[in-house]
């Protein structure tokens, strides 16, 4: 029976959904309650089935997770578009609003893609568990621990914190750092994440600092 922890990923998603409630109205292209409500509706069955550890493996649960992540990324992209439009409208004179919006978009970007990497790498957390009957797919990410030939690292498995670090470094360096993407799907995800981060930091945040 697998004992991979689910609650760190669920807690991260809940934190992002809460952040959506404080999105500045200047960039909100949708009512602020829509994403938290939809996200909570999708998150409830995931937490109900596996509240703290991953024990119940159902294909439909994974699809619910992927839909939730897709919605998070899509809405975050809409907020980024709203922020860029707000900058171009000539009304962006409040630096506090711009910094708050840019920070929220950046944090959402990191967390959403961290859960994406956690969910797709080698077919998902269930497939990565050595004691689970599902056969793992080929690795999507090459962690440095996987290349270490030292005692104590033979059975190492990445946890959610490892994927969060991958997402954080991709959002700050706009490229891979110590962990390399191996498959086309993860390269695509990392490219999208880096593009969102680059637009947010290099364009939006830079303008916000000038306004301040």
Foldseek 3Di string as FASTA:
>chain_A
DFFAWDVVLLVLLLVLLVLLLVQPPQQQPDPSNVLSVVLVVLVVVVCVCPVTGDDDDDPVNLVSLVVNLVVLLVNLVSSLVSLVVSVVVPPPLQLVNLVSNLVSSLSSLLSSQLVVLQQPAQNHDQCLDPPHPHPTHDGQKAAPLNVDPDPPSPSDDDGSVVSSVQSVCCLVVVAGDRMDGDDPVVVVSSNSSSVSSCSSVVPRNVVSVVSD
